[in-house]
Protein backbone atom coordinates (compact mmCIF):
# COMPACT_ATOMS: atom_id res chain seq x y z
CA MET A 1 35.11 -41.56 87.56
CA GLY A 2 37.90 -41.11 89.84
CA ARG A 3 38.16 -38.45 92.66
CA MET A 4 40.22 -36.26 90.56
CA ASP A 5 37.67 -36.02 87.78
CA ALA A 6 34.96 -35.30 90.60
CA ILE A 7 37.10 -32.54 91.74
CA ASN A 8 37.55 -31.27 88.52
CA LYS A 9 33.79 -31.50 87.94
CA GLU A 10 33.01 -29.30 91.30
CA LEU A 11 35.54 -26.91 90.32
CA LYS A 12 34.05 -26.30 86.85
CA GLN A 13 30.63 -25.73 88.71
CA LYS A 14 32.16 -23.54 91.27
CA GLU A 15 33.71 -21.05 88.41
CA SER A 16 30.66 -20.95 86.46
CA GLY A 17 28.44 -20.26 89.57
CA PHE A 18 25.86 -22.76 89.17
CA THR A 19 25.25 -25.45 91.74
CA SER A 20 25.63 -29.32 90.76
CA ASP A 21 21.83 -30.15 91.10
CA ARG A 22 21.34 -27.40 88.30
CA HIS A 23 19.43 -28.84 84.94
CA TRP A 24 20.69 -27.81 81.65
CA TYR A 25 20.16 -28.86 78.04
CA ILE A 26 23.79 -29.38 76.89
CA ASN A 27 25.38 -32.77 78.03
CA THR A 28 28.76 -31.43 79.60
CA GLU A 29 29.96 -34.83 80.51
CA ALA A 30 29.25 -36.13 77.03
CA LEU A 31 31.58 -33.24 75.74
CA ASP A 32 34.19 -33.95 78.16
CA LYS A 33 34.34 -37.51 77.17
CA LEU A 34 34.77 -36.36 73.58
CA SER A 35 37.12 -33.57 74.53
CA ILE A 36 35.02 -30.94 73.08
CA LYS A 37 34.81 -27.58 74.75
CA GLN A 38 31.86 -25.25 74.64
CA TYR A 39 32.60 -21.94 72.48
CA LYS A 40 31.42 -18.82 73.46
CA ALA A 41 31.53 -15.96 71.27
CA THR A 42 34.21 -13.22 72.27
CA GLU A 43 33.80 -9.48 72.49
CA GLY A 44 35.14 -8.33 69.14
CA ASP A 45 35.90 -10.17 66.20
CA ASN A 46 35.16 -13.99 65.92
CA PHE A 47 36.50 -16.33 63.29
CA LEU A 48 34.77 -19.52 62.86
CA ARG A 49 34.91 -22.76 60.62
CA ILE A 50 31.85 -24.66 60.61
CA LEU A 51 32.33 -28.49 60.31
CA PRO A 52 29.91 -30.39 58.27
CA PRO A 53 27.83 -32.70 60.15
CA LEU A 54 28.16 -36.64 59.39
CA ASP A 55 24.85 -36.67 57.76
CA PRO A 56 25.61 -35.75 54.32
CA GLU A 57 21.94 -34.54 53.91
CA ALA A 58 21.50 -33.03 57.17
CA TYR A 59 21.96 -29.21 57.65
CA PHE A 60 25.02 -28.11 59.27
CA GLY A 61 23.04 -26.75 62.36
CA LEU A 62 21.00 -28.62 64.65
CA ALA A 63 17.62 -26.19 65.71
CA ILE A 64 16.83 -26.75 69.42
CA PHE A 65 14.07 -25.57 71.24
CA VAL A 66 14.55 -24.75 75.14
CA HIS A 67 12.77 -23.55 78.12
CA TYR A 68 14.52 -21.14 80.12
CA ASN A 69 14.90 -19.29 83.56
CA LEU A 70 12.91 -22.29 85.45
CA GLY A 71 14.03 -23.80 88.79
CA PRO A 72 13.94 -21.96 92.26
CA ASP A 73 17.10 -19.71 91.26
CA LYS A 74 15.70 -19.30 87.71
CA ASN A 75 18.84 -21.26 86.45
CA ASP A 76 17.36 -24.32 84.68
CA ALA A 77 16.88 -24.68 81.56
CA PHE A 78 15.28 -28.15 79.53
CA LEU A 79 14.99 -29.04 75.87
CA CYS A 80 11.26 -29.26 74.74
CA PRO A 81 10.40 -32.78 74.11
CA ARG A 82 7.09 -31.55 72.09
CA MET A 83 9.22 -29.68 69.81
CA MET A 84 12.51 -32.06 69.50
CA LYS A 85 11.27 -35.35 69.92
CA LYS A 86 6.89 -34.75 69.34
CA GLU A 87 6.49 -36.11 72.75
CA ARG A 88 4.78 -34.87 75.82
CA CYS A 89 6.17 -31.80 77.37
CA VAL A 90 4.77 -30.70 80.89
CA ILE A 91 6.15 -27.41 80.36
CA CYS A 92 4.02 -26.67 77.26
CA GLU A 93 0.90 -28.33 78.90
CA ARG A 94 1.39 -25.90 81.85
CA GLN A 95 1.83 -22.76 79.37
CA ASP A 96 -1.39 -24.13 77.41
CA ALA A 97 -3.50 -24.04 80.38
CA LEU A 98 -2.28 -20.73 81.64
CA LYS A 99 -3.09 -19.52 78.51
CA ALA A 100 -6.51 -21.18 78.33
CA LYS A 101 -7.51 -19.98 81.58
CA GLY A 102 -6.87 -16.18 80.22
CA VAL A 103 -3.62 -15.66 82.12
CA GLU A 104 -1.70 -12.42 80.95
CA ASP A 105 0.57 -12.63 78.14
CA THR A 106 3.67 -11.69 79.99
CA VAL A 107 2.90 -14.81 82.35
CA TRP A 108 2.68 -17.75 80.27
CA LYS A 109 4.93 -16.47 77.33
CA LYS A 110 7.76 -16.83 79.78
CA LEU A 111 7.16 -20.41 79.44
CA GLY A 112 7.81 -20.50 76.03
CA CYS A 113 10.52 -22.04 73.91
CA PHE A 114 10.68 -19.72 70.72
CA PRO A 115 12.79 -18.85 68.97
CA PRO A 116 15.11 -21.47 68.61
CA ARG A 117 18.87 -21.82 69.09
CA TYR A 118 21.25 -23.37 66.74
CA LEU A 119 24.14 -25.87 67.76
CA TYR A 120 27.32 -26.08 65.28
CA LEU A 121 30.55 -28.21 65.42
CA ALA A 122 33.37 -25.62 64.67
CA ARG A 123 36.91 -24.61 65.08
CA ASP A 124 37.92 -21.06 66.33
CA CYS A 125 40.28 -19.91 63.53
CA LYS A 126 41.06 -16.50 65.29
CA ASN A 127 44.83 -17.58 65.62
CA ASP A 128 46.85 -20.94 65.44
CA GLU A 129 46.38 -21.26 69.30
CA THR A 130 42.82 -21.20 69.46
CA MET A 131 42.78 -23.75 66.37
CA ASP A 132 44.65 -26.16 68.39
CA GLU A 133 41.99 -26.16 70.80
CA GLY A 134 40.13 -28.62 68.72
CA THR A 135 36.55 -28.99 67.95
CA GLN A 136 34.26 -27.00 69.79
CA LEU A 137 30.41 -26.83 70.04
CA TYR A 138 28.80 -23.39 69.40
CA ASP A 139 25.64 -22.77 71.11
CA ALA A 140 24.20 -19.90 68.94
CA PRO A 141 21.06 -17.38 69.10
CA GLN A 142 18.71 -17.45 66.15
CA THR A 143 20.27 -14.18 64.86
CA VAL A 144 23.75 -15.74 64.23
CA ASN A 145 21.84 -18.63 62.10
CA ASN A 146 19.88 -16.11 60.16
CA GLU A 147 22.99 -14.17 59.28
CA ILE A 148 24.83 -17.41 57.70
CA LEU A 149 21.56 -18.02 55.81
CA THR A 150 21.58 -14.76 54.29
CA LEU A 151 25.11 -14.74 53.33
CA SER A 152 24.93 -18.41 52.02
CA LYS A 153 22.73 -17.31 48.99
CA ASP A 154 24.42 -14.82 46.33
CA ARG A 155 21.91 -12.01 45.85
CA ARG A 156 22.68 -11.75 41.91
CA SER A 157 23.08 -15.37 40.93
CA GLY A 158 20.86 -17.00 43.67
CA GLU A 159 23.87 -19.69 44.11
CA VAL A 160 23.95 -21.17 47.52
CA VAL A 161 26.99 -21.75 49.20
CA ASP A 162 27.93 -24.67 51.90
CA VAL A 163 29.75 -23.08 54.78
CA SER A 164 30.62 -26.34 56.14
CA ASP A 165 31.88 -27.83 52.82
CA PRO A 166 35.18 -29.50 53.75
CA ASP A 167 36.82 -28.20 50.04
CA ASP A 168 34.78 -25.11 49.31
CA GLY A 169 33.44 -24.23 52.38
CA LYS A 170 33.80 -20.57 53.98
CA LEU A 171 35.17 -18.81 57.04
CA LEU A 172 32.51 -16.91 59.18
CA VAL A 173 33.47 -13.65 60.59
CA PHE A 174 31.38 -11.48 62.91
CA THR A 175 31.63 -9.19 65.62
CA ARG A 176 30.02 -9.19 69.12
CA THR A 177 29.59 -6.28 71.32
CA GLY A 178 28.38 -6.76 75.06
CA MET A 179 28.65 -9.76 77.07
CA LYS A 180 25.48 -9.85 79.06
CA ALA A 181 22.28 -11.16 78.04
CA THR A 182 20.68 -7.58 77.97
CA ASN A 183 23.31 -5.93 75.91
CA THR A 184 24.94 -8.69 73.38
CA ARG A 185 24.80 -7.18 69.74
CA TYR A 186 25.94 -9.25 66.65
CA SER A 187 27.23 -7.45 63.59
CA GLY A 188 29.51 -7.00 60.48
CA PHE A 189 28.96 -10.93 59.24
CA GLU A 190 30.91 -11.74 56.28
CA LEU A 191 32.16 -15.10 54.52
CA GLU A 192 35.71 -15.35 53.86
CA LYS A 193 37.58 -17.78 51.36
CA ASP A 194 39.48 -20.18 53.24
CA ASP A 195 41.64 -23.46 52.87
CA PRO A 196 40.05 -26.92 52.87
CA ILE A 197 39.65 -28.43 56.14
CA PRO A 198 42.26 -30.46 57.49
CA GLU A 199 41.58 -34.15 57.57
CA GLU A 200 42.14 -34.39 61.25
CA TRP A 201 39.66 -31.85 61.82
CA LEU A 202 37.03 -34.39 60.59
CA ASP A 203 38.16 -37.24 62.65
CA ASN A 204 35.90 -38.47 65.49
CA LEU A 205 33.13 -35.95 64.94
CA PRO A 206 30.24 -36.35 67.37
CA GLU A 207 26.65 -36.43 66.32
CA LEU A 208 25.04 -32.87 67.50
CA GLU A 209 22.45 -35.31 69.17
CA ASP A 210 24.44 -36.56 71.21
CA CYS A 211 25.53 -33.34 72.92
CA LEU A 212 22.12 -33.01 74.30
CA GLN A 213 20.43 -33.76 77.54
CA TYR A 214 16.95 -34.11 78.35
CA ALA A 215 15.50 -33.99 81.52
CA SER A 216 12.78 -36.43 83.06
CA GLU A 217 8.98 -35.12 83.44
CA GLU A 218 9.62 -35.21 87.32
CA ASP A 219 12.48 -32.71 87.21
CA MET A 220 10.64 -30.30 85.05
CA LEU A 221 7.75 -30.28 86.97
CA LYS A 222 10.07 -29.38 90.08
CA ALA A 223 11.28 -26.66 88.24
CA LEU A 224 7.94 -25.43 87.58
CA GLY A 225 7.10 -25.55 91.23
CA LEU A 226 4.10 -28.24 90.62
CA PRO A 227 3.68 -31.54 92.40
CA PRO A 228 2.64 -34.19 89.95
CA GLU A 229 -0.86 -34.19 90.73
CA GLU A 230 -1.24 -30.64 89.37
CA ILE A 231 0.04 -31.67 86.10
CA VAL A 232 -2.33 -31.22 83.05
CA ASP A 233 -3.92 -34.54 82.09
CA THR A 234 -2.57 -36.08 78.45
CA PRO A 235 -5.17 -35.96 75.79
CA PRO A 236 -7.71 -38.75 75.84
CA ASP A 237 -6.97 -41.65 73.33
CA GLY A 238 -8.00 -40.66 69.77
CA GLU A 239 -7.08 -37.01 70.65
CA LYS A 240 -3.81 -36.00 69.79
CA GLU A 241 -2.25 -32.65 70.59
CA ASP A 242 -1.11 -30.82 67.81
CA THR A 243 2.51 -30.15 67.67
CA PRO A 244 3.20 -26.50 67.06
CA GLU A 245 5.81 -26.09 64.11
CA PRO A 246 8.75 -23.75 64.21
CA PRO A 247 8.04 -19.93 63.14
CA ALA A 248 8.13 -19.72 59.36
CA ARG A 249 11.22 -18.12 57.96
CA SER A 250 9.50 -15.55 55.37
CA GLY A 251 11.08 -12.90 53.41
CA ARG A 252 8.40 -10.61 53.95
CA ARG A 253 8.62 -10.78 57.69
CA GLU A 254 12.53 -10.38 58.00
CA ARG A 255 12.97 -9.76 61.65
CA THR A 256 17.02 -8.98 61.37
CA ARG A 257 19.23 -6.78 59.45
CA THR A 258 22.67 -8.09 57.98
CA SER A 259 24.56 -5.26 59.26
CA ASP A 260 23.49 -5.17 62.90
CA VAL A 261 21.41 -7.52 65.07
CA ALA A 262 20.68 -8.18 68.61
CA ASP A 263 20.80 -11.37 70.38
CA THR A 264 16.99 -11.54 70.62
CA SER A 265 17.02 -15.34 72.24
CA ALA A 266 19.05 -13.63 75.25
CA GLU A 267 21.50 -16.38 75.82
CA LYS A 268 20.76 -17.01 79.66
CA GLU A 269 17.20 -15.58 79.32
CA THR A 270 13.84 -16.79 78.10
CA PRO A 271 13.54 -16.35 74.36
CA LYS A 272 10.79 -13.88 73.04
CA ASP A 273 7.95 -15.91 71.62
CA GLU A 274 7.67 -15.15 67.69
CA LYS A 275 4.98 -17.37 67.05
CA GLU A 276 2.57 -15.34 64.70
CA ASP A 277 -0.74 -14.85 66.11
CA VAL A 278 -3.42 -17.02 64.52
CA PRO A 279 -6.10 -14.86 62.52
CA LYS A 280 -9.48 -14.59 64.24
CA ASN A 281 -12.41 -16.35 62.53
CA ASP A 282 -13.91 -14.59 59.82
CA PRO A 283 -16.99 -13.14 61.28
CA GLU A 284 -18.94 -13.23 57.53
CA PRO A 285 -17.13 -16.27 55.78
CA SER A 286 -19.88 -16.08 52.95
CA THR A 287 -19.38 -12.45 52.12
CA ARG A 288 -15.54 -13.01 51.73
CA ARG A 289 -15.54 -16.31 49.90
CA THR A 290 -18.17 -17.13 47.77
CA ARG A 291 -21.33 -14.58 46.71
CA ARG A 292 -24.56 -15.97 45.84
CA SER A 293 -26.10 -15.57 42.61
CA PRO A 294 -29.00 -13.03 43.31
CA ASP A 295 -32.76 -13.84 42.35
CA ARG A 296 -31.44 -17.53 41.07
CA GLU A 297 -34.45 -19.68 40.53
CA VAL A 298 -34.84 -23.43 41.19
CA GLU A 299 -35.66 -25.31 38.14
CA LYS A 300 -39.40 -26.54 38.66
CA ASP A 301 -38.82 -29.71 36.61
CA ALA A 302 -36.01 -30.99 38.86
CA PRO A 303 -35.72 -34.62 39.65
CA ALA A 304 -36.82 -35.85 42.90
CA ASP A 305 -34.01 -36.46 45.51
CA THR A 306 -33.30 -40.27 44.86
CA GLY A 307 -30.29 -40.33 47.09
CA LYS A 308 -27.97 -40.36 44.25
CA ALA A 309 -26.02 -37.27 42.77
CA ASP A 310 -27.18 -36.61 39.06
CA ASP A 311 -23.67 -35.74 37.78
CA THR A 312 -24.64 -34.73 33.98
CA ALA A 313 -27.47 -32.54 35.87
CA GLY A 314 -25.12 -31.03 38.12
CA ASP A 315 -22.45 -30.29 35.30
CA ASP A 316 -25.43 -28.69 33.17
CA SER A 317 -26.21 -26.54 36.24
CA VAL A 318 -22.85 -25.25 36.66
CA LYS A 319 -22.43 -24.23 33.06
CA SER A 320 -25.64 -22.78 32.96
CA ARG A 321 -24.76 -20.23 35.89
CA LEU A 322 -21.17 -19.41 34.02
CA ARG A 323 -22.88 -18.73 30.96
CA GLU A 324 -25.19 -16.38 32.62
CA ARG A 325 -22.52 -14.75 34.82
CA LEU A 326 -20.40 -14.18 31.65
CA ALA A 327 -23.56 -12.75 29.61
CA LYS A 328 -24.12 -10.26 32.58
CA ARG A 329 -20.52 -9.16 32.30
CA LYS A 330 -20.43 -8.77 28.56
CA SER A 331 -23.56 -6.39 29.13
């Protein structure tokens, strides 16, 4: 890297208001080498043509899980190794430890990485000038991805549309109001018919994973303000820690409306934790799952326990109980 590259890097950091030692999850140096800009939805109408990924079987958006608002200035953000790669995450372990100690929800939930965000490769099709800016990386909140999925399925026919299809894809149109994390809202989502994607738009497309940047455990610990010796120990051999799954998208628990949705992930703030609460253990499982038949007598001539199950006797016993229950229902 030459001196002019270093100067330009410092200028970008100055313009963004962040220091050079700030940790972030997007690999800006990799984007610079690929001549890819980062797209930021503008206030007003936005027109995006989402480009297809290199993997023909992959979803066109990459879900990423990010721990936000860390570090001394609350400007650091880290990809979650647990959710992204099923590897150890010291931030998740710190969150688990605080939760286990009974700390208030408002404290440990700040270390969460839900809901996910989504990365897309896209072209800004607002006008000819923006289209000439080339391929861009759009780091979008979950609300935008939910709207795309909603529009991708025809409500009458059930037919699904691939908005990233090079020939039959659609133009994504939406409106953004507000430019701060606390007042941003997205609305007016539509899919418009569009021309096939030009061949040159598909040349040299990167893998979305190549745009990511993972931090070391040491950097993550520093952002937490913890020395290495205070980290929660890894589970002993043979006791693997369960990796939480992303929140299920259930139609019965739809959280967004297609007409007007807020950016719940708050672009530079900690996303709200959307994990559903695990139901408490049933205090009386026997009364809810199985009911014991009243006054059921044990057969007097039951064979002695030889250590082997008598399959025939078991079947006869089951059939006998079923006949008794049917007889009682008829009476």
